[in-house]
Amino acid sequence: MASSLDALPKIGAPATRALRAAGYTELRRLANVPRAELAKLHGMGPKALGIIDDALKEHGLRLG
C-alpha cells in the first residue's frame, strides 16, 4: 500500500509528536529536509528515519 504525501507514515508516537511540534505535519514537508536535522528531534531514531525515507521514495522524493 502506497503512503500518502498528506499524512505522516506510521512511526513511534514520540517521533510523530516531535515532527508535528517542529511543523512537519505532512510527509511532503519532509522532502529534502536534512536527515541530520530530523535525527536531532526527540524520539527520532534510525528506524523512524528509515520509514520516512522509504515513504518518500515511494513518491520519488527523499530526505536531504
N, C-alpha and C. Protein backbone atom coordinates (compact mmCIF):
# COMPACT_ATOMS: atom_id res chain seq x y z
N MET A 1 0.84 -1.20 0.00
CA MET A 1 0.00 0.00 0.00
C MET A 1 0.88 1.24 0.00
N ALA A 2 0.68 2.09 -0.95
CA ALA A 2 1.48 3.31 -1.06
C ALA A 2 1.09 4.31 0.03
N SER A 3 2.07 5.01 0.50
CA SER A 3 1.79 6.03 1.52
C SER A 3 1.24 7.29 0.85
N SER A 4 0.63 8.12 1.64
CA SER A 4 0.09 9.39 1.16
C SER A 4 1.06 10.51 1.49
N LEU A 5 1.17 11.48 0.62
CA LEU A 5 2.00 12.64 0.92
C LEU A 5 1.31 13.58 1.91
N ASP A 6 0.02 13.34 2.18
CA ASP A 6 -0.73 14.21 3.08
C ASP A 6 -0.64 13.81 4.53
N ALA A 7 -0.14 12.60 4.82
CA ALA A 7 -0.07 12.11 6.20
C ALA A 7 1.34 11.66 6.51
N LEU A 8 1.67 11.66 7.78
CA LEU A 8 2.96 11.13 8.21
C LEU A 8 2.89 9.61 8.22
N PRO A 9 4.01 8.95 7.91
CA PRO A 9 3.99 7.48 7.96
C PRO A 9 3.88 6.99 9.41
N LYS A 10 3.58 5.72 9.57
CA LYS A 10 3.44 5.13 10.91
C LYS A 10 4.81 4.94 11.53
N ILE A 11 5.15 5.83 12.46
CA ILE A 11 6.39 5.73 13.23
C ILE A 11 6.00 5.84 14.70
N GLY A 12 6.94 5.76 15.58
CA GLY A 12 6.64 5.82 17.00
C GLY A 12 5.98 7.13 17.42
N ALA A 13 5.20 7.06 18.48
CA ALA A 13 4.48 8.24 18.97
C ALA A 13 5.41 9.40 19.34
N PRO A 14 6.54 9.16 20.05
CA PRO A 14 7.42 10.29 20.37
C PRO A 14 7.96 10.98 19.11
N ALA A 15 8.33 10.18 18.10
CA ALA A 15 8.84 10.76 16.86
C ALA A 15 7.75 11.53 16.13
N THR A 16 6.54 10.99 16.13
CA THR A 16 5.43 11.67 15.47
C THR A 16 5.14 13.01 16.16
N ARG A 17 5.13 13.00 17.49
CA ARG A 17 4.90 14.27 18.23
C ARG A 17 6.00 15.27 17.94
N ALA A 18 7.24 14.81 17.88
CA ALA A 18 8.36 15.71 17.62
C ALA A 18 8.25 16.32 16.22
N LEU A 19 7.87 15.50 15.24
CA LEU A 19 7.71 16.03 13.88
C LEU A 19 6.62 17.09 13.85
N ARG A 20 5.48 16.79 14.46
CA ARG A 20 4.37 17.75 14.46
C ARG A 20 4.75 19.04 15.18
N ALA A 21 5.47 18.92 16.30
CA ALA A 21 5.89 20.11 17.05
C ALA A 21 6.84 20.97 16.23
N ALA A 22 7.62 20.31 15.35
CA ALA A 22 8.56 21.04 14.50
C ALA A 22 7.90 21.56 13.22
N GLY A 23 6.59 21.31 13.07
CA GLY A 23 5.86 21.82 11.92
C GLY A 23 5.76 20.87 10.75
N TYR A 24 6.23 19.64 10.93
CA TYR A 24 6.15 18.64 9.86
C TYR A 24 4.89 17.81 10.06
N THR A 25 3.80 18.26 9.45
CA THR A 25 2.52 17.59 9.64
C THR A 25 2.13 16.71 8.47
N GLU A 26 2.89 16.80 7.38
CA GLU A 26 2.62 16.00 6.19
C GLU A 26 3.94 15.44 5.68
N LEU A 27 3.87 14.26 5.07
CA LEU A 27 5.07 13.64 4.52
C LEU A 27 5.76 14.55 3.51
N ARG A 28 4.98 15.23 2.67
CA ARG A 28 5.56 16.09 1.64
C ARG A 28 6.48 17.17 2.23
N ARG A 29 6.21 17.61 3.45
CA ARG A 29 7.04 18.65 4.07
C ARG A 29 8.42 18.14 4.48
N LEU A 30 8.59 16.81 4.51
CA LEU A 30 9.87 16.23 4.90
C LEU A 30 10.82 16.04 3.72
N ALA A 31 10.32 16.22 2.50
CA ALA A 31 11.16 16.07 1.32
C ALA A 31 12.30 17.08 1.37
N ASN A 32 13.51 16.61 1.17
CA ASN A 32 14.73 17.42 1.14
C ASN A 32 15.15 18.00 2.48
N VAL A 33 14.47 17.65 3.56
CA VAL A 33 14.91 18.08 4.89
C VAL A 33 16.15 17.25 5.23
N PRO A 34 17.22 17.89 5.69
CA PRO A 34 18.43 17.13 6.02
C PRO A 34 18.16 16.05 7.07
N ARG A 35 18.63 14.84 6.78
CA ARG A 35 18.46 13.71 7.69
C ARG A 35 19.01 14.04 9.08
N ALA A 36 20.15 14.74 9.12
CA ALA A 36 20.78 15.09 10.40
C ALA A 36 19.89 16.03 11.21
N GLU A 37 19.14 16.89 10.54
CA GLU A 37 18.23 17.81 11.24
C GLU A 37 17.10 17.03 11.91
N LEU A 38 16.54 16.07 11.19
CA LEU A 38 15.47 15.25 11.76
C LEU A 38 15.99 14.37 12.89
N ALA A 39 17.21 13.89 12.76
CA ALA A 39 17.79 13.00 13.77
C ALA A 39 17.93 13.69 15.12
N LYS A 40 17.96 15.01 15.14
CA LYS A 40 18.08 15.77 16.39
C LYS A 40 16.76 15.81 17.17
N LEU A 41 15.66 15.49 16.51
CA LEU A 41 14.35 15.56 17.18
C LEU A 41 14.20 14.41 18.16
N HIS A 42 13.52 14.68 19.27
CA HIS A 42 13.29 13.66 20.30
C HIS A 42 12.54 12.47 19.74
N GLY A 43 13.04 11.29 20.01
CA GLY A 43 12.36 10.08 19.58
C GLY A 43 12.63 9.68 18.14
N MET A 44 13.43 10.46 17.45
CA MET A 44 13.69 10.19 16.03
C MET A 44 14.97 9.38 15.90
N GLY A 45 14.81 8.08 15.76
CA GLY A 45 15.95 7.20 15.63
C GLY A 45 16.12 6.70 14.21
N PRO A 46 17.11 5.83 14.02
CA PRO A 46 17.38 5.30 12.68
C PRO A 46 16.17 4.58 12.06
N LYS A 47 15.41 3.87 12.87
CA LYS A 47 14.25 3.14 12.33
C LYS A 47 13.21 4.12 11.78
N ALA A 48 12.88 5.15 12.56
CA ALA A 48 11.88 6.14 12.11
C ALA A 48 12.38 6.86 10.87
N LEU A 49 13.66 7.22 10.84
CA LEU A 49 14.21 7.91 9.67
C LEU A 49 14.13 7.01 8.43
N GLY A 50 14.38 5.72 8.62
CA GLY A 50 14.29 4.79 7.50
C GLY A 50 12.88 4.68 6.97
N ILE A 51 11.90 4.63 7.87
CA ILE A 51 10.49 4.56 7.46
C ILE A 51 10.10 5.81 6.68
N ILE A 52 10.52 6.97 7.17
CA ILE A 52 10.22 8.24 6.48
C ILE A 52 10.87 8.25 5.10
N ASP A 53 12.15 7.86 5.04
CA ASP A 53 12.86 7.86 3.77
C ASP A 53 12.20 6.90 2.77
N ASP A 54 11.81 5.71 3.24
CA ASP A 54 11.14 4.75 2.37
C ASP A 54 9.80 5.30 1.86
N ALA A 55 9.06 5.96 2.74
CA ALA A 55 7.76 6.53 2.34
C ALA A 55 7.96 7.63 1.29
N LEU A 56 8.99 8.45 1.47
CA LEU A 56 9.28 9.50 0.49
C LEU A 56 9.67 8.88 -0.86
N LYS A 57 10.49 7.83 -0.80
CA LYS A 57 10.95 7.20 -2.05
C LYS A 57 9.80 6.65 -2.87
N GLU A 58 8.70 6.25 -2.21
CA GLU A 58 7.52 5.76 -2.94
C GLU A 58 6.95 6.84 -3.87
N HIS A 59 7.28 8.09 -3.56
CA HIS A 59 6.77 9.22 -4.35
C HIS A 59 7.88 9.90 -5.15
N GLY A 60 9.04 9.25 -5.23
CA GLY A 60 10.15 9.82 -5.97
C GLY A 60 10.86 10.95 -5.24
N LEU A 61 10.67 11.02 -3.92
CA LEU A 61 11.28 12.07 -3.11
C LEU A 61 12.27 11.43 -2.15
N ARG A 62 13.01 12.29 -1.42
CA ARG A 62 13.96 11.76 -0.43
C ARG A 62 14.31 12.82 0.58
N LEU A 63 14.93 12.36 1.66
CA LEU A 63 15.44 13.30 2.66
C LEU A 63 16.67 13.99 2.08
N GLY A 64 16.99 15.13 2.65
CA GLY A 64 18.15 15.88 2.15
C GLY A 64 19.45 15.33 2.67
